[in-house]
Every structure is written in C-alpha cells, then in structure tokens.
Amino acid sequence: MGGKVAIVADRVGWEERQLMQAASTFDLDIEWVNDESLCLGDPDADSISDYDAVLVRSRSYTRGGLLASLAEASRIPTLNSASAIHACENKLALRTLLRSAGVPVPDFRLVLSRRDFEKALEQFSLPLVLKPVFGGMGKRVTLLRHSDTAQSVYDYVEDLGHAFEQACLLEPFVEGGSVRCLVVGRELVAAARFVSGGADWRNNAALGNRTQSVDQQPELLKIVDSVVDVLGSGIYGVDLFETASGYVVNEVNHAPAFRGVATATGVDVTSAVGRHVREVLA
C-alpha cells in the first residue's frame, strides 16, 4: 500500500465506512482509531507514530483539535490542520477570524451571563437563535420566538450547563434553508440546500432534513474560496445562510458528514477525499 492512514474518530459512521472500503482504490490502507484510546503525549512512542497520515474525524467539539495538535507535533501529516480544527470547534473564534478577513457572517452577540443575554435581547428583534459556542449537529440550538419565554430558556443555560457550556451566541433567526458546501483541498466538490422538515425548524443534515442540489454559482465559489483562504486547505463542510444581501457563513465543520450532500448531488465525495489524502502523502 502507498500509505497507512488513521481515521481518528469516536465511532465509525457511514462516511468512515465509505472511506475505508474505497481505500485500496487510492493505494491507501485506512484504519479506524478510536479517539478515546490514544493517550498521546509521549514524543518517542505515540500510538499513531506508525501511520503515514491522520484524518481527524472526531465528532467531539473538544477532542479533534487537541488530537490534531499532538499528531502534528509528531510530524505526521494531519487533516485538517490543528489550527483549522480549533477554529471550527469554536463558533466565536471562527466568526471572529472570518469577519476580520472580510468574510460575511451573521450578526451576533456573545452571551456569557444573564446580563449579556438581556442586553442582547434589547439590541435584536425576535425571533432569535441561541446557540452554544462549543457544539455541533444542531444540539442545544434554540429558537426564541417570544420574549416571555426567553428568560425561562436561559434558566436552563444557567442551571444545567457548566461554565464551558454556558458560552452562547445570540443572533437573528434567518428564514429559509441553509447551504452545505463540501470542500476538499481547495475545491468546492458539491453543494446542497438543507430544508427543515416537519416540526423541527433546524436546518441540519444530522436531523434528517431534506436536501436539494445547488449549482456552483460564482457567489458561492467566491465565499468558499474566502473561507479556505482563512483556514487553509482541508476537508470542510461550509454551512451558509442565504440572506437578502447574499450568503453569510454560519459555521464550518472540520469533520463534515457528507452522505446527504453526496446523495442529493450524485457527487462521489468519498473519491474526492481519497484523492486528496493521496496527494497529501505524495
């Protein structure tokens, strides 16, 4: 085989199975490595030292960047880079980086306390979305439609969350669907629109929303290129909101699920990822 690759993840999902099954096509040997069993830190005997590359697909919003940092320190090619993963894991850090680079992001307020929350409510008009700074897959993202329930919702943030989990963003609710752009290397390989179905308003592939293929129009390519300019080459799921003034970047996933987009578009995303890993090892 031309390269031994570790998929570092908490579990083997559809995407990981596809990559392992297609590995031989790209002269690769791809294995799953449980991200809970690595115990990295020893520079002379790290458990990933036998691999030629590490593909970090941990769904945890804390493990990925930490593991990538130590993999890079062992001089093992790591996808994505530790700096990119750290940025993607932290919605505030990501939006700050993008906004500083001139990439459009939604207006938001950082909420660290009840006082912050009340001030933000005064500055925005309902409906609003309250989301954790650290987290993914649409979990704990809450739509606030009525002022008389907003304070009660924040009670749960205060009482049930640890300090790390209480950091939130409050932002205006954007009507309509969102667009997931799958980037491999620097190329936009596929894009699909997520449309919430049934009673759940959240636009998220992990929640089983409907998907529709989206053409790669110039505006879409431009904003994706701008994101990659900030984060560097890698494998990303860039999630956009469509607004009256154009696309804005909601978040970027460093270990994107791509089954829904691949199904909606017919694009062989697995092969695109395999080719990119092969190029990194070349």
Protein backbone atom coordinates (compact mmCIF):
# COMPACT_ATOMS: atom_id res chain seq x y z
CA MET A 1 0.00 0.00 0.00
CA GLY A 2 1.15 3.52 -0.68
CA GLY A 3 0.13 4.96 2.66
CA LYS A 4 -1.27 3.91 6.02
CA VAL A 5 -3.89 6.35 7.26
CA ALA A 6 -5.62 6.56 10.64
CA ILE A 7 -9.18 7.85 10.75
CA VAL A 8 -9.31 9.23 14.28
CA ALA A 9 -12.96 9.31 15.34
CA ASP A 10 -15.28 8.42 18.20
CA ARG A 11 -17.18 5.94 16.04
CA VAL A 12 -17.40 4.54 12.52
CA GLY A 13 -20.23 6.19 10.62
CA TRP A 14 -21.31 5.97 7.00
CA GLU A 15 -18.56 8.34 5.85
CA GLU A 16 -15.79 6.45 7.62
CA ARG A 17 -17.01 3.12 6.23
CA GLN A 18 -17.05 4.53 2.72
CA LEU A 19 -13.50 5.81 3.05
CA MET A 20 -12.17 2.52 4.41
CA GLN A 21 -13.94 0.48 1.74
CA ALA A 22 -12.56 2.67 -1.07
CA ALA A 23 -9.04 2.92 0.36
CA SER A 24 -7.40 0.40 -1.96
CA THR A 25 -8.61 2.37 -4.98
CA PHE A 26 -6.22 5.14 -3.94
CA ASP A 27 -3.39 2.84 -2.85
CA LEU A 28 -4.18 3.55 0.79
CA ASP A 29 -4.65 1.43 3.89
CA ILE A 30 -7.20 3.26 6.07
CA GLU A 31 -7.99 2.13 9.62
CA TRP A 32 -10.28 3.47 12.31
CA VAL A 33 -8.57 4.57 15.51
CA ASN A 34 -10.84 5.31 18.46
CA ASP A 35 -10.22 8.86 19.63
CA GLU A 36 -10.78 7.74 23.23
CA SER A 37 -7.87 5.27 23.23
CA LEU A 38 -4.84 7.20 22.00
CA CYS A 39 -3.27 8.64 25.18
CA LEU A 40 -0.99 10.89 23.11
CA GLY A 41 1.84 12.97 24.52
CA ASP A 42 4.92 10.76 24.51
CA PRO A 43 7.01 12.10 21.59
CA ASP A 44 9.00 8.85 21.43
CA ALA A 45 6.17 6.35 21.49
CA ASP A 46 2.91 7.88 20.34
CA SER A 47 0.28 5.34 19.31
CA ILE A 48 -0.14 6.99 15.90
CA SER A 49 3.55 7.03 15.00
CA ASP A 50 3.11 4.02 12.72
CA TYR A 51 0.72 5.90 10.43
CA ASP A 52 1.70 7.98 7.42
CA ALA A 53 -1.20 10.39 7.88
CA VAL A 54 -4.01 11.14 10.31
CA LEU A 55 -7.51 12.08 9.21
CA VAL A 56 -9.24 13.63 12.23
CA ARG A 57 -12.99 12.98 12.14
CA SER A 58 -13.76 13.19 15.84
CA ARG A 59 -17.30 14.48 16.36
CA SER A 60 -16.38 15.82 19.79
CA TYR A 61 -16.11 19.59 19.94
CA THR A 62 -13.04 19.34 22.18
CA ARG A 63 -11.06 16.26 21.14
CA GLY A 64 -10.35 16.97 17.48
CA GLY A 65 -8.13 20.00 17.85
CA LEU A 66 -6.25 18.53 20.81
CA LEU A 67 -5.51 15.29 18.97
CA ALA A 68 -4.52 17.14 15.79
CA SER A 69 -2.08 19.30 17.76
CA LEU A 70 -0.22 16.26 19.09
CA ALA A 71 -0.33 14.47 15.72
CA GLU A 72 1.27 17.50 14.08
CA ALA A 73 3.87 17.65 16.85
CA SER A 74 4.82 14.08 15.89
CA ARG A 75 5.40 15.39 12.35
CA ILE A 76 2.61 13.28 10.89
CA PRO A 77 0.58 14.86 8.06
CA THR A 78 -2.73 15.75 9.68
CA LEU A 79 -6.08 16.54 8.07
CA ASN A 80 -7.29 19.00 8.94
CA SER A 81 -4.63 21.20 10.50
CA ALA A 82 -4.84 21.70 14.25
CA SER A 83 -5.34 25.44 13.82
CA ALA A 84 -8.25 24.90 11.41
CA ILE A 85 -9.91 22.35 13.70
CA HIS A 86 -9.53 24.58 16.75
CA ALA A 87 -11.20 27.41 14.83
CA CYS A 88 -14.07 25.22 13.63
CA GLU A 89 -14.71 23.85 17.12
CA ASN A 90 -15.29 27.35 18.50
CA LYS A 91 -18.07 29.27 16.76
CA LEU A 92 -16.93 32.59 18.20
CA ALA A 93 -13.29 32.10 17.21
CA LEU A 94 -14.32 31.07 13.70
CA ARG A 95 -16.65 34.02 13.16
CA THR A 96 -14.05 36.42 14.51
CA LEU A 97 -11.42 35.07 12.12
CA LEU A 98 -13.77 35.21 9.15
CA ARG A 99 -15.17 38.64 9.94
CA SER A 100 -11.66 40.05 10.39
CA ALA A 101 -10.81 38.73 6.92
CA GLY A 102 -13.88 40.36 5.39
CA VAL A 103 -15.89 37.15 5.06
CA PRO A 104 -19.59 37.83 5.79
CA VAL A 105 -21.00 36.15 8.91
CA PRO A 106 -24.34 36.62 10.72
CA ASP A 107 -24.66 39.43 13.23
CA PHE A 108 -24.35 38.02 16.75
CA ARG A 109 -23.72 38.81 20.39
CA LEU A 110 -21.57 36.77 22.75
CA VAL A 111 -23.60 35.77 25.80
CA LEU A 112 -21.64 34.78 28.92
CA SER A 113 -24.12 35.86 31.56
CA ARG A 114 -27.74 36.78 32.21
CA ARG A 115 -26.76 40.43 31.85
CA ASP A 116 -25.27 39.77 28.42
CA PHE A 117 -28.42 37.89 27.43
CA GLU A 118 -30.73 40.72 28.47
CA LYS A 119 -28.64 43.35 26.68
CA ALA A 120 -28.60 41.26 23.50
CA LEU A 121 -32.38 40.86 23.66
CA GLU A 122 -32.67 44.64 23.73
CA GLN A 123 -30.43 45.05 20.69
CA PHE A 124 -32.13 42.46 18.46
CA SER A 125 -35.70 41.84 17.38
CA LEU A 126 -37.36 38.46 17.81
CA PRO A 127 -37.22 35.74 16.58
CA LEU A 128 -33.68 34.96 17.69
CA VAL A 129 -31.48 31.89 17.86
CA LEU A 130 -29.47 30.97 20.96
CA LYS A 131 -26.67 28.52 20.27
CA PRO A 132 -23.68 27.19 22.22
CA VAL A 133 -20.23 28.43 21.24
CA PHE A 134 -18.99 24.83 21.54
CA GLY A 135 -21.14 22.14 19.98
CA GLY A 136 -22.48 20.71 16.77
CA MET A 137 -25.10 18.65 14.96
CA GLY A 138 -27.77 21.19 15.86
CA LYS A 139 -27.72 20.19 19.53
CA ARG A 140 -28.89 22.81 22.08
CA VAL A 141 -29.66 25.35 19.34
CA THR A 142 -32.85 27.09 20.46
CA LEU A 143 -35.29 29.31 18.57
CA LEU A 144 -36.68 32.15 20.69
CA ARG A 145 -39.94 33.42 19.25
CA HIS A 146 -41.50 35.04 22.32
CA SER A 147 -40.00 37.42 24.86
CA ASP A 148 -42.00 35.88 27.71
CA THR A 149 -40.26 32.51 27.27
CA ALA A 150 -36.74 33.76 26.51
CA GLN A 151 -35.79 34.23 30.17
CA SER A 152 -37.06 30.76 31.03
CA VAL A 153 -34.93 29.28 28.24
CA TYR A 154 -31.88 31.00 29.66
CA ASP A 155 -32.64 29.46 33.07
CA TYR A 156 -31.67 26.12 31.55
CA VAL A 157 -28.38 27.54 30.28
CA GLU A 158 -27.56 28.79 33.77
CA ASP A 159 -28.73 25.79 35.73
CA LEU A 160 -27.83 22.84 33.51
CA GLY A 161 -24.63 23.97 31.82
CA HIS A 162 -21.11 24.07 33.19
CA ALA A 163 -19.18 27.32 32.69
CA PHE A 164 -17.63 25.94 29.48
CA GLU A 165 -21.07 25.09 28.08
CA GLN A 166 -22.74 28.35 29.12
CA ALA A 167 -20.90 30.39 26.49
CA CYS A 168 -23.51 31.14 23.81
CA LEU A 169 -24.17 33.25 20.75
CA LEU A 170 -27.44 35.07 20.24
CA GLU A 171 -28.29 36.02 16.67
CA PRO A 172 -31.26 36.89 14.45
CA PHE A 173 -33.16 33.95 13.01
CA VAL A 174 -32.71 33.55 9.25
CA GLU A 175 -35.75 32.21 7.44
CA GLY A 176 -35.39 29.54 4.77
CA GLY A 177 -32.82 26.83 4.16
CA SER A 178 -29.08 26.66 4.55
CA VAL A 179 -26.48 25.51 2.04
CA ARG A 180 -23.80 22.93 2.88
CA CYS A 181 -20.68 23.26 0.74
CA LEU A 182 -18.26 20.35 0.79
CA VAL A 183 -14.68 21.43 0.26
CA VAL A 184 -11.83 19.02 -0.41
CA GLY A 185 -8.40 20.58 -0.63
CA ARG A 186 -9.34 23.96 -2.01
CA GLU A 187 -12.08 22.73 -4.32
CA LEU A 188 -15.82 23.01 -3.81
CA VAL A 189 -16.81 19.47 -4.81
CA ALA A 190 -20.55 19.57 -4.02
CA ALA A 191 -23.21 21.84 -2.57
CA ALA A 192 -26.74 21.14 -1.36
CA ARG A 193 -29.51 23.07 0.31
CA PHE A 194 -30.90 21.75 3.60
CA VAL A 195 -34.58 22.40 4.18
CA SER A 196 -36.06 21.62 7.58
CA GLY A 197 -38.85 19.09 7.52
CA GLY A 198 -41.78 18.56 9.83
CA ALA A 199 -41.92 20.32 13.18
CA ASP A 200 -38.16 20.81 13.57
CA TRP A 201 -37.09 24.24 12.31
CA ARG A 202 -33.34 23.48 12.35
CA ASN A 203 -31.55 23.07 9.01
CA ASN A 204 -29.09 20.29 9.73
CA ALA A 205 -28.25 17.08 7.88
CA ALA A 206 -27.82 15.24 11.18
CA LEU A 207 -31.51 15.89 11.87
CA GLY A 208 -32.67 14.25 8.65
CA ASN A 209 -33.59 17.40 6.73
CA ARG A 210 -34.37 17.33 3.01
CA THR A 211 -31.54 18.14 0.63
CA GLN A 212 -31.52 19.67 -2.84
CA SER A 213 -28.55 20.03 -5.15
CA VAL A 214 -27.25 23.60 -5.59
CA ASP A 215 -25.37 24.91 -8.62
CA GLN A 216 -21.87 26.22 -8.01
CA GLN A 217 -22.58 29.80 -8.96
CA PRO A 218 -19.81 32.44 -8.77
CA GLU A 219 -21.07 33.94 -5.48
CA LEU A 220 -20.91 30.53 -3.84
CA LEU A 221 -17.41 29.83 -5.13
CA LYS A 222 -16.18 33.24 -4.01
CA ILE A 223 -17.30 32.89 -0.41
CA VAL A 224 -16.00 29.31 -0.13
CA ASP A 225 -12.62 30.41 -1.52
CA SER A 226 -12.54 33.16 1.10
CA VAL A 227 -13.16 30.65 3.90
CA VAL A 228 -10.37 28.37 2.65
CA ASP A 229 -8.04 31.37 2.42
CA VAL A 230 -8.58 31.85 6.17
CA LEU A 231 -8.46 28.22 7.32
CA GLY A 232 -6.09 26.73 4.78
CA SER A 233 -6.52 23.73 2.52
CA GLY A 234 -8.53 20.90 4.07
CA ILE A 235 -11.76 18.93 4.18
CA TYR A 236 -14.65 21.12 5.32
CA GLY A 237 -18.38 21.42 5.41
CA VAL A 238 -19.02 25.15 4.98
CA ASP A 239 -22.56 25.99 6.08
CA LEU A 240 -24.08 29.13 4.62
CA PHE A 241 -27.27 31.07 5.22
CA GLU A 242 -28.98 32.69 2.25
CA THR A 243 -29.96 36.28 3.03
CA ALA A 244 -31.37 39.19 1.03
CA SER A 245 -27.85 40.62 0.75
CA GLY A 246 -26.15 37.35 -0.18
CA TYR A 247 -24.57 34.38 1.54
CA VAL A 248 -23.18 34.53 5.08
CA VAL A 249 -21.09 31.82 6.74
CA ASN A 250 -22.92 30.25 9.68
CA GLU A 251 -20.26 27.72 10.63
CA VAL A 252 -17.59 25.39 9.23
CA ASN A 253 -17.40 21.72 10.13
CA HIS A 254 -13.92 20.18 10.28
CA ALA A 255 -15.26 16.59 10.10
CA PRO A 256 -18.28 17.02 7.87
CA ALA A 257 -20.91 14.39 7.29
CA PHE A 258 -21.36 14.15 3.54
CA ARG A 259 -23.88 11.38 2.94
CA GLY A 260 -26.79 13.79 2.43
CA VAL A 261 -24.91 16.06 0.04
CA ALA A 262 -23.48 13.11 -1.91
CA THR A 263 -26.95 11.61 -2.28
CA ALA A 264 -28.55 14.90 -3.35
CA THR A 265 -25.86 15.82 -5.87
CA GLY A 266 -24.63 12.45 -7.12
CA VAL A 267 -21.04 13.55 -6.48
CA ASP A 268 -18.57 10.88 -5.38
CA VAL A 269 -17.32 12.75 -2.32
CA THR A 270 -15.54 9.67 -0.99
CA SER A 271 -13.28 9.56 -4.04
CA ALA A 272 -12.55 13.28 -3.77
CA VAL A 273 -11.40 12.79 -0.16
CA GLY A 274 -9.36 9.72 -1.09
CA ARG A 275 -7.57 11.58 -3.87
CA HIS A 276 -6.81 14.48 -1.58
CA VAL A 277 -5.30 12.23 1.11
CA ARG A 278 -3.22 10.55 -1.60
CA GLU A 279 -1.98 13.98 -2.77
CA VAL A 280 -1.03 14.96 0.79
CA LEU A 281 1.09 11.83 1.07
CA ALA A 282 2.73 12.27 -2.34
